[in-house]
Amino acid sequence: MQQSAATAIAAAGGPVAYLRNAQALPTQFPVRPEFTNWISEQRAWRESVALLDQSHHMSDLFITGPDAARLLSDVGVNSFARFPRDSAKQFIAVNHEGYLIGDAILFHLDGEAGATGDTYDLVGWHMVLDWVEYHGETGNYDVRFERDPNSIARAAAGGGDPKLYRYELQGPQALELLERVTGRPAPETRFFGMETFEIAGVEVRSLRHGMAGMPGFELFGPWVEGERVRDAIIEAGAEFGLTLVGSRAYSSANLESAWVPSPLPAIFTGEGSAAYLEWLPAARLGSLAGSFEAEGIEEYYLSPFELGYGRSVKFDHDFIGRAALEQRAAAGGRVKVSLLWDAEDVASIQRSAYEPGVPAKFLEFPKARYGQHQVDRVRIGEATVGLSHDVGYSVNEQAFLSLASVDPEFAAPGTQVEVVWGEDPATGKPAAERHRQVRVRATVAEAPYSRFAREDYRRS
């Protein structure tokens, strides 16, 4: 029997102690790390066209039944006033106190033969999937769930193939390649719109989307057809300079589009948290890394507005956390920004590995996160003015960046801040080697940092 999250947290003396010393490894991407090298693979989505395989690292939660739509509306902050079949949205959930649980992509698919109601597929990290499934199972809903976990969890449970393949075609030549491989003009699909076409004689569904903020489509269909579709894309892509992208480059794509992939979910305190933590397996708690250390877990919580999700919050329906979120919307709060790390300070961190004494916390390239949930302190002098959530290197911008939420008075581009890098003392996580904590000068910049992603992504 799996240990519950509640039992594991109690044994550790609380959620902060558990998460900061969790033996979970940093986020794993169960696909090939590199096909060529991560530098060339990063450049591909900016200069030509990249093919990213999303089939293995994300989980799917298929939701059916007559109350599926009601459940999603009750849990999600998004509007469901209009959500027809063959459409998708970034689904966002909060707890009863209005703090973020997380986000995932929600697809509204066709109803299954003989089923009552339509089918929805919630795709992404497990945090939101768990939250939705829990409320569906414990609430008054006539719904059914089918979970297809990521390939690491699937292997631990005995193996088997994913239910769906999922590929991302992205880059300035992605649409030309799509036209070549489908034999038809590229569909004029709005951002987050869906389209169906044929590749290699099989039907392929698509989402107008791009992980790095460049033009692209996410393609998906039954797993058994995935290799056929992939081979056709690779063959047609030769003349466009198609580059296969491995997990090292893929994991850093969000730095250019400014999506924060794994903020800590606000599940540890508040209304209903005790019952939820009894239901949740401890294996899905993850780990907490970084220089920000607080006694209370609530200090790590975020609102959707701090990560730029305000456009998705719609108060046209009742949902978990609505009253609290309305108050947070009125009060304002921190603002999502990019932080450009000082090149000399980054070089100093790397140089410390060759100097006498204890080195600074190692900076992995291209993604330097060393826990599932990365939270570093952002300071001006001794005052904490924000939190840095995700960090790494973009060869396309030739910049070491982090995504952060800062107090609004310090959010103007050009503001000088410091990021505190490393833990003091180092915690017991496997990825937290013996090191010393340092401060890195950084300059506030817009999010997304990529100008194309910021100005043209949703219009292209």
Protein backbone atom coordinates (compact mmCIF):
# COMPACT_ATOMS: atom_id res chain seq x y z
CA MET A 1 0.00 0.00 0.00
CA GLN A 2 1.33 3.44 -0.92
CA GLN A 3 2.21 5.82 1.90
CA SER A 4 -0.04 8.87 2.01
CA ALA A 5 1.30 12.39 1.74
CA ALA A 6 -0.15 13.13 5.19
CA THR A 7 1.83 10.28 6.80
CA ALA A 8 5.11 11.28 5.12
CA ILE A 9 4.73 14.94 6.09
CA ALA A 10 3.91 14.09 9.72
CA ALA A 11 6.98 11.83 9.98
CA ALA A 12 9.22 14.63 8.66
CA GLY A 13 7.87 17.23 11.08
CA GLY A 14 5.95 19.34 8.55
CA PRO A 15 5.68 20.10 4.83
CA VAL A 16 8.70 22.43 4.59
CA ALA A 17 11.01 19.93 6.29
CA TYR A 18 9.70 17.11 4.13
CA LEU A 19 9.90 18.92 0.80
CA ARG A 20 13.30 20.56 1.32
CA ASN A 21 14.88 17.20 2.21
CA ALA A 22 12.79 14.94 -0.04
CA GLN A 23 14.74 12.15 -1.69
CA ALA A 24 12.88 12.66 -4.96
CA LEU A 25 15.16 13.42 -7.88
CA PRO A 26 14.74 16.63 -9.88
CA THR A 27 12.21 16.49 -12.68
CA GLN A 28 13.00 13.65 -15.07
CA PHE A 29 12.22 13.68 -18.80
CA PRO A 30 12.09 10.04 -19.98
CA VAL A 31 13.25 10.80 -23.53
CA ARG A 32 16.69 10.91 -25.11
CA PRO A 33 18.72 13.81 -23.59
CA GLU A 34 20.20 14.97 -26.91
CA PHE A 35 19.95 13.92 -30.54
CA THR A 36 22.81 16.18 -31.61
CA ASN A 37 23.61 18.70 -28.88
CA TRP A 38 21.30 20.86 -26.81
CA ILE A 39 22.75 24.10 -28.22
CA SER A 40 21.90 23.24 -31.82
CA GLU A 41 18.55 21.88 -30.69
CA GLN A 42 17.65 25.13 -28.91
CA ARG A 43 18.61 27.10 -32.00
CA ALA A 44 16.34 24.97 -34.20
CA TRP A 45 13.09 26.36 -32.78
CA ARG A 46 14.31 29.90 -33.42
CA GLU A 47 16.06 29.42 -36.81
CA SER A 48 14.36 26.55 -38.66
CA VAL A 49 12.01 23.90 -37.24
CA ALA A 50 12.22 21.59 -34.24
CA LEU A 51 10.42 18.34 -33.46
CA LEU A 52 9.89 17.78 -29.72
CA ASP A 53 8.49 14.52 -28.37
CA GLN A 54 6.03 15.19 -25.54
CA SER A 55 4.69 11.63 -25.40
CA HIS A 56 6.52 10.47 -22.30
CA HIS A 57 6.97 13.18 -19.67
CA MET A 58 3.39 14.40 -19.26
CA SER A 59 0.33 12.61 -17.86
CA ASP A 60 -3.18 12.45 -19.30
CA LEU A 61 -6.36 12.38 -17.24
CA PHE A 62 -9.37 11.44 -19.41
CA ILE A 63 -12.65 12.61 -17.87
CA THR A 64 -16.03 11.37 -19.06
CA GLY A 65 -19.57 11.23 -17.75
CA PRO A 66 -22.60 13.51 -17.59
CA ASP A 67 -21.02 15.71 -14.87
CA ALA A 68 -17.56 16.09 -16.44
CA ALA A 69 -18.15 19.65 -17.61
CA ARG A 70 -19.66 20.64 -14.26
CA LEU A 71 -16.70 19.23 -12.35
CA LEU A 72 -14.21 21.16 -14.49
CA SER A 73 -16.19 24.38 -14.11
CA ASP A 74 -16.42 23.91 -10.34
CA VAL A 75 -12.66 23.37 -10.00
CA GLY A 76 -11.24 25.65 -12.69
CA VAL A 77 -10.94 29.44 -12.62
CA ASN A 78 -11.52 29.50 -16.39
CA SER A 79 -14.81 30.38 -18.03
CA PHE A 80 -16.76 27.47 -19.48
CA ALA A 81 -19.50 29.63 -20.97
CA ARG A 82 -18.19 28.65 -24.38
CA PHE A 83 -15.97 25.61 -24.69
CA PRO A 84 -17.02 23.61 -27.77
CA ARG A 85 -15.63 20.31 -28.93
CA ASP A 86 -12.29 20.45 -30.72
CA SER A 87 -10.99 23.28 -28.59
CA ALA A 88 -8.52 23.58 -25.74
CA LYS A 89 -7.55 25.97 -22.97
CA GLN A 90 -4.96 26.41 -20.26
CA PHE A 91 -6.84 25.05 -17.27
CA ILE A 92 -5.95 26.68 -13.93
CA ALA A 93 -7.06 25.68 -10.44
CA VAL A 94 -6.70 27.29 -7.01
CA ASN A 95 -7.39 26.09 -3.47
CA HIS A 96 -10.20 27.39 -1.28
CA GLU A 97 -8.03 30.31 -0.16
CA GLY A 98 -7.31 31.40 -3.75
CA TYR A 99 -3.73 30.11 -3.97
CA LEU A 100 -2.49 28.32 -7.05
CA ILE A 101 -2.69 24.55 -7.40
CA GLY A 102 -1.24 24.63 -10.92
CA ASP A 103 -2.11 24.57 -14.60
CA ALA A 104 -2.50 22.04 -17.40
CA ILE A 105 -3.88 21.91 -20.94
CA LEU A 106 -7.52 20.86 -21.17
CA PHE A 107 -8.77 19.38 -24.45
CA HIS A 108 -12.48 19.06 -25.20
CA LEU A 109 -12.69 15.97 -27.38
CA ASP A 110 -15.58 14.12 -29.02
CA GLY A 111 -17.83 11.95 -26.94
CA GLU A 112 -17.11 8.23 -26.97
CA ALA A 113 -19.59 5.89 -28.62
CA GLY A 114 -22.31 4.94 -26.17
CA ALA A 115 -21.02 7.35 -23.52
CA THR A 116 -23.07 10.00 -21.78
CA GLY A 117 -21.40 13.37 -22.18
CA ASP A 118 -18.18 14.36 -23.91
CA THR A 119 -14.60 13.38 -23.23
CA TYR A 120 -12.08 15.81 -21.78
CA ASP A 121 -8.33 15.22 -21.65
CA LEU A 122 -6.37 17.12 -19.00
CA VAL A 123 -2.67 17.01 -19.93
CA GLY A 124 0.35 18.12 -17.94
CA TRP A 125 1.97 17.83 -14.53
CA HIS A 126 0.22 15.63 -11.99
CA MET A 127 -0.53 18.48 -9.54
CA VAL A 128 -3.70 19.71 -11.25
CA LEU A 129 -4.69 16.24 -12.45
CA ASP A 130 -4.61 14.96 -8.85
CA TRP A 131 -6.69 17.91 -7.63
CA VAL A 132 -9.39 17.40 -10.27
CA GLU A 133 -9.53 13.64 -9.76
CA TYR A 134 -9.81 14.01 -5.99
CA HIS A 135 -12.74 16.41 -6.21
CA GLY A 136 -14.42 14.23 -8.83
CA GLU A 137 -14.11 11.14 -6.63
CA THR A 138 -15.13 12.77 -3.34
CA GLY A 139 -17.75 15.23 -4.64
CA ASN A 140 -21.25 14.67 -5.94
CA TYR A 141 -20.26 14.05 -9.57
CA ASP A 142 -21.20 11.34 -12.04
CA VAL A 143 -17.81 11.14 -13.75
CA ARG A 144 -15.28 8.51 -14.74
CA PHE A 145 -11.50 8.89 -14.88
CA GLU A 146 -8.82 7.13 -16.89
CA ARG A 147 -5.30 8.19 -15.98
CA ASP A 148 -2.41 7.58 -18.36
CA PRO A 149 0.65 8.56 -16.29
CA ASN A 150 4.01 9.61 -17.69
CA SER A 151 6.38 6.89 -18.81
CA ILE A 152 8.42 6.87 -15.57
CA ALA A 153 5.30 6.20 -13.48
CA ARG A 154 4.02 3.77 -16.11
CA ALA A 155 7.26 1.78 -15.99
CA ALA A 156 7.13 1.65 -12.19
CA ALA A 157 3.61 0.21 -12.45
CA GLY A 158 4.63 -2.53 -14.87
CA GLY A 159 5.26 -0.81 -18.17
CA GLY A 160 3.19 -0.45 -21.31
CA ASP A 161 2.96 2.18 -24.03
CA PRO A 162 1.30 5.59 -23.70
CA LYS A 163 -2.26 5.86 -24.93
CA LEU A 164 -1.39 8.81 -27.20
CA TYR A 165 1.66 10.10 -29.03
CA ARG A 166 2.19 13.85 -28.70
CA TYR A 167 4.67 15.80 -30.85
CA GLU A 168 5.47 19.50 -31.03
CA LEU A 169 6.47 21.08 -34.36
CA GLN A 170 7.88 24.51 -33.68
CA GLY A 171 9.89 27.20 -35.42
CA PRO A 172 9.70 29.73 -38.27
CA GLN A 173 9.45 26.93 -40.86
CA ALA A 174 7.00 24.77 -38.93
CA LEU A 175 4.00 25.84 -40.99
CA GLU A 176 5.81 25.20 -44.29
CA LEU A 177 6.76 21.73 -43.10
CA LEU A 178 3.19 21.07 -41.99
CA GLU A 179 1.95 22.04 -45.45
CA ARG A 180 4.43 19.68 -47.06
CA VAL A 181 3.63 16.70 -44.88
CA THR A 182 -0.16 17.17 -45.04
CA GLY A 183 -0.37 18.19 -48.70
CA ARG A 184 -2.66 21.12 -47.90
CA PRO A 185 -2.35 24.76 -46.84
CA ALA A 186 -1.53 25.29 -43.19
CA PRO A 187 -4.79 25.69 -41.28
CA GLU A 188 -5.61 29.24 -40.20
CA THR A 189 -6.08 28.23 -36.61
CA ARG A 190 -6.19 30.73 -33.76
CA PHE A 191 -3.93 30.33 -30.75
CA PHE A 192 -5.09 27.30 -28.72
CA GLY A 193 -7.45 26.31 -31.52
CA MET A 194 -7.62 22.73 -32.77
CA GLU A 195 -7.55 21.28 -36.27
CA THR A 196 -7.64 17.80 -37.81
CA PHE A 197 -5.70 16.75 -40.90
CA GLU A 198 -4.05 13.71 -42.44
CA ILE A 199 -0.40 12.66 -42.28
CA ALA A 200 0.86 9.41 -43.80
CA GLY A 201 -2.69 8.21 -44.33
CA VAL A 202 -3.84 8.59 -40.73
CA GLU A 203 -5.92 11.25 -39.01
CA VAL A 204 -3.90 13.62 -36.82
CA ARG A 205 -5.35 16.09 -34.34
CA SER A 206 -3.54 19.30 -33.51
CA LEU A 207 -3.39 22.20 -31.08
CA ARG A 208 -2.10 25.60 -32.21
CA HIS A 209 0.56 26.03 -29.59
CA GLY A 210 4.30 26.47 -29.05
CA MET A 211 6.37 25.73 -25.96
CA ALA A 212 9.15 28.23 -26.72
CA GLY A 213 6.86 30.97 -27.99
CA MET A 214 7.48 30.29 -31.69
CA PRO A 215 4.94 29.30 -34.40
CA GLY A 216 3.95 25.68 -34.10
CA PHE A 217 1.44 22.90 -33.65
CA GLU A 218 1.14 20.15 -31.08
CA LEU A 219 0.16 16.95 -32.90
CA PHE A 220 -1.44 13.94 -31.23
CA GLY A 221 -3.23 10.69 -31.92
CA PRO A 222 -3.30 6.97 -30.99
CA TRP A 223 0.10 5.66 -29.90
CA VAL A 224 0.09 2.87 -32.49
CA GLU A 225 0.10 5.49 -35.27
CA GLY A 226 2.79 7.68 -33.73
CA GLU A 227 5.85 6.14 -35.37
CA ARG A 228 4.23 6.36 -38.80
CA VAL A 229 3.45 10.05 -38.31
CA ARG A 230 6.91 10.78 -36.89
CA ASP A 231 8.68 9.08 -39.79
CA ALA A 232 6.65 11.09 -42.30
CA ILE A 233 7.48 14.36 -40.52
CA ILE A 234 11.19 13.54 -40.39
CA GLU A 235 11.28 12.60 -44.08
CA ALA A 236 9.45 15.76 -45.16
CA GLY A 237 11.48 17.88 -42.76
CA ALA A 238 14.87 17.17 -44.31
CA GLU A 239 14.65 20.13 -46.71
CA PHE A 240 13.60 22.48 -43.91
CA GLY A 241 16.48 21.61 -41.59
CA LEU A 242 14.27 19.72 -39.15
CA THR A 243 16.08 19.06 -35.87
CA LEU A 244 15.04 16.46 -33.31
CA VAL A 245 15.06 17.95 -29.82
CA GLY A 246 15.99 15.96 -26.72
CA SER A 247 15.05 16.48 -23.11
CA ARG A 248 17.94 18.83 -22.21
CA ALA A 249 16.91 21.48 -24.72
CA TYR A 250 13.18 20.80 -24.31
CA SER A 251 13.31 21.42 -20.56
CA SER A 252 14.62 24.95 -21.18
CA ALA A 253 12.07 26.03 -23.81
CA ASN A 254 9.81 27.62 -21.20
CA LEU A 255 12.46 30.22 -20.33
CA GLU A 256 11.81 31.97 -23.65
CA SER A 257 8.00 31.81 -23.45
CA ALA A 258 7.95 32.63 -19.69
CA TRP A 259 5.81 29.69 -18.59
CA VAL A 260 6.64 28.61 -15.02
CA PRO A 261 6.35 24.81 -15.20
CA SER A 262 6.05 23.65 -11.60
CA PRO A 263 5.12 26.19 -8.94
CA LEU A 264 4.56 24.61 -5.53
CA PRO A 265 0.87 23.61 -5.28
CA ALA A 266 -1.01 25.13 -2.34
CA ILE A 267 -2.26 21.81 -0.99
CA PHE A 268 -0.70 21.66 2.47
CA THR A 269 -2.93 23.98 4.49
CA GLY A 270 -6.41 25.45 4.27
CA GLU A 271 -9.91 24.09 3.86
CA GLY A 272 -9.99 20.39 2.97
CA SER A 273 -6.20 19.97 2.93
CA ALA A 274 -6.07 17.27 5.61
CA ALA A 275 -8.42 14.96 3.70
CA TYR A 276 -6.64 15.68 0.41
CA LEU A 277 -3.22 14.81 1.83
CA GLU A 278 -4.62 11.53 3.16
CA TRP A 279 -5.82 10.74 -0.37
CA LEU A 280 -2.64 11.85 -2.19
CA PRO A 281 0.26 9.36 -2.48
CA ALA A 282 3.48 10.66 -0.90
CA ALA A 283 5.37 9.76 -4.09
CA ARG A 284 3.69 12.70 -5.83
CA LEU A 285 4.80 15.39 -3.38
CA GLY A 286 8.07 16.18 -5.18
CA SER A 287 10.82 18.33 -3.66
CA LEU A 288 11.47 21.98 -2.84
CA ALA A 289 14.82 23.59 -3.68
CA GLY A 290 16.36 27.02 -3.43
CA SER A 291 17.53 29.81 -1.19
CA PHE A 292 14.09 30.88 0.00
CA GLU A 293 13.48 29.20 3.35
CA ALA A 294 10.46 29.88 5.50
CA GLU A 295 8.96 28.10 8.47
CA GLY A 296 5.42 28.28 7.14
CA ILE A 297 4.57 26.53 3.87
CA GLU A 298 2.04 29.27 3.07
CA GLU A 299 4.92 31.65 2.35
CA TYR A 300 5.71 29.57 -0.75
CA TYR A 301 2.16 29.82 -2.11
CA LEU A 302 1.39 31.94 -5.18
CA SER A 303 -1.74 33.40 -6.66
CA PRO A 304 -2.50 32.94 -10.39
CA PHE A 305 -1.91 36.66 -10.89
CA GLU A 306 1.72 36.38 -9.77
CA LEU A 307 2.41 34.05 -12.71
CA GLY A 308 0.54 36.11 -15.29
CA TYR A 309 -2.64 34.01 -15.39
CA GLY A 310 -5.00 36.90 -14.75
CA ARG A 311 -6.33 36.76 -18.31
CA SER A 312 -7.67 33.24 -17.64
CA VAL A 313 -9.48 34.05 -14.40
CA LYS A 314 -13.19 34.59 -15.05
CA PHE A 315 -15.66 35.37 -12.29
CA ASP A 316 -18.66 34.35 -14.41
CA HIS A 317 -19.19 31.11 -12.45
CA ASP A 318 -18.76 29.66 -8.99
CA PHE A 319 -15.56 27.69 -8.42
CA ILE A 320 -13.34 26.56 -5.58
CA GLY A 321 -11.57 29.63 -4.22
CA ARG A 322 -13.63 32.23 -6.08
CA ALA A 323 -14.34 34.54 -3.12
CA ALA A 324 -10.73 34.55 -1.99
CA LEU A 325 -9.46 35.05 -5.53
CA GLU A 326 -11.76 38.06 -6.03
CA GLN A 327 -10.14 39.65 -3.00
CA ARG A 328 -6.64 38.90 -4.34
CA ALA A 329 -7.55 40.40 -7.70
CA ALA A 330 -8.65 43.62 -6.01
CA ALA A 331 -5.59 43.77 -3.75
CA GLY A 332 -2.99 43.29 -6.49
CA GLY A 333 0.34 41.62 -5.82
CA ARG A 334 3.59 40.51 -7.33
CA VAL A 335 4.24 40.62 -11.08
CA LYS A 336 5.85 38.00 -13.30
CA VAL A 337 9.13 39.15 -14.86
CA SER A 338 12.29 37.74 -16.39
CA LEU A 339 15.58 38.22 -14.60
CA LEU A 340 18.73 38.55 -16.69
CA TRP A 341 21.59 37.19 -14.60
CA ASP A 342 24.86 39.11 -14.69
CA ALA A 343 27.30 37.32 -16.98
CA GLU A 344 30.30 37.97 -14.73
CA ASP A 345 28.48 36.58 -11.70
CA VAL A 346 27.41 33.47 -13.64
CA ALA A 347 31.04 33.00 -14.73
CA SER A 348 32.13 33.43 -11.12
CA ILE A 349 29.83 30.60 -10.02
CA GLN A 350 31.31 28.32 -12.68
CA ARG A 351 34.86 29.45 -11.87
CA SER A 352 34.39 28.53 -8.21
CA ALA A 353 34.58 24.86 -9.19
CA TYR A 354 38.28 25.40 -10.04
CA GLU A 355 39.22 27.47 -7.00
CA PRO A 356 40.19 26.42 -3.45
CA GLY A 357 37.41 26.05 -0.91
CA VAL A 358 33.75 25.09 -1.16
CA PRO A 359 32.33 26.01 -4.59
CA ALA A 360 29.02 27.73 -5.25
CA LYS A 361 25.96 25.61 -6.08
CA PHE A 362 26.64 24.02 -9.47
CA LEU A 363 24.85 25.67 -12.40
CA GLU A 364 23.59 22.97 -14.75
CA PHE A 365 23.16 24.00 -18.40
CA PRO A 366 20.74 24.57 -19.96
CA LYS A 367 18.35 24.10 -16.98
CA ALA A 368 19.70 24.70 -13.48
CA ARG A 369 16.66 23.76 -11.39
CA TYR A 370 17.65 21.16 -8.77
CA GLY A 371 14.25 20.41 -7.24
CA GLN A 372 10.82 19.90 -8.70
CA HIS A 373 9.79 23.21 -7.18
CA GLN A 374 12.57 25.83 -7.36
CA VAL A 375 12.16 28.89 -5.12
CA ASP A 376 15.06 31.35 -4.78
CA ARG A 377 15.05 34.64 -2.90
CA VAL A 378 15.18 37.90 -4.93
CA ARG A 379 16.63 40.81 -2.95
CA ILE A 380 17.43 44.49 -3.05
CA GLY A 381 19.90 44.95 -0.23
CA GLU A 382 18.61 42.81 2.64
CA ALA A 383 14.93 43.16 1.67
CA THR A 384 13.20 40.29 -0.11
CA VAL A 385 11.29 41.75 -3.08
CA GLY A 386 10.31 38.58 -4.90
CA LEU A 387 10.87 34.91 -5.67
CA SER A 388 12.71 33.31 -8.60
CA HIS A 389 10.96 30.14 -9.80
CA ASP A 390 12.87 28.63 -12.72
CA VAL A 391 16.35 29.20 -14.10
CA GLY A 392 18.52 28.28 -17.07
CA TYR A 393 20.31 29.32 -20.23
CA SER A 394 18.95 30.32 -23.63
CA VAL A 395 21.45 30.16 -26.49
CA ASN A 396 18.95 32.06 -28.64
CA GLU A 397 19.14 35.03 -26.29
CA GLN A 398 22.72 34.26 -25.18
CA ALA A 399 21.46 34.86 -21.67
CA PHE A 400 21.17 33.12 -18.35
CA LEU A 401 17.62 33.81 -17.19
CA SER A 402 15.18 33.09 -14.44
CA LEU A 403 11.43 33.58 -14.25
CA ALA A 404 10.35 35.43 -11.15
CA SER A 405 7.50 37.16 -9.35
CA VAL A 406 8.50 40.51 -7.80
CA ASP A 407 6.79 43.32 -5.95
CA PRO A 408 5.21 45.71 -8.48
CA GLU A 409 7.38 48.68 -7.47
CA PHE A 410 10.45 46.69 -8.57
CA ALA A 411 8.98 45.17 -11.75
CA ALA A 412 10.08 47.89 -14.20
CA PRO A 413 12.57 46.65 -16.83
CA GLY A 414 16.08 47.72 -15.90
CA THR A 415 15.60 47.45 -12.13
CA GLN A 416 18.68 45.97 -10.47
CA VAL A 417 18.16 43.11 -8.03
CA GLU A 418 20.07 40.13 -6.65
CA VAL A 419 19.14 36.45 -6.78
CA VAL A 420 20.39 34.39 -3.85
CA TRP A 421 21.69 31.14 -5.37
CA GLY A 422 22.21 27.99 -3.33
CA GLU A 423 21.06 26.76 0.06
CA ASP A 424 22.55 27.64 3.46
CA PRO A 425 22.98 25.05 4.76
CA ALA A 426 22.60 22.59 1.90
CA THR A 427 19.56 20.37 2.45
CA GLY A 428 19.39 16.59 2.16
CA LYS A 429 18.05 16.41 -1.39
CA PRO A 430 20.07 14.16 -3.74
CA ALA A 431 20.82 17.12 -6.06
CA ALA A 432 21.98 19.48 -3.30
CA GLU A 433 25.73 18.82 -3.14
CA ARG A 434 27.99 20.51 -0.58
CA HIS A 435 28.19 24.13 -1.69
CA ARG A 436 28.15 27.73 -0.53
CA GLN A 437 25.42 30.28 -1.10
CA VAL A 438 26.16 33.29 -3.32
CA ARG A 439 24.39 36.37 -4.60
CA VAL A 440 23.95 37.00 -8.32
CA ARG A 441 23.28 40.43 -9.72
CA ALA A 442 20.31 40.45 -12.09
CA THR A 443 18.37 42.93 -14.20
CA VAL A 444 14.58 42.88 -14.39
CA ALA A 445 13.29 42.35 -17.94
CA GLU A 446 9.93 41.68 -19.53
CA ALA A 447 8.32 38.26 -19.55
CA PRO A 448 8.47 36.64 -22.02
CA TYR A 449 12.09 37.68 -22.56
CA SER A 450 11.90 36.69 -26.23
CA ARG A 451 10.55 39.66 -28.20
CA PHE A 452 8.72 37.40 -30.68
CA ALA A 453 7.06 35.46 -27.89
CA ARG A 454 6.09 38.72 -26.19
CA GLU A 455 4.75 40.60 -29.22
CA ASP A 456 3.75 38.13 -31.95
CA TYR A 457 3.28 34.65 -30.45
CA ARG A 458 -0.49 34.76 -29.93
CA ARG A 459 -1.09 36.63 -33.20
CA SER A 460 1.00 34.38 -35.48
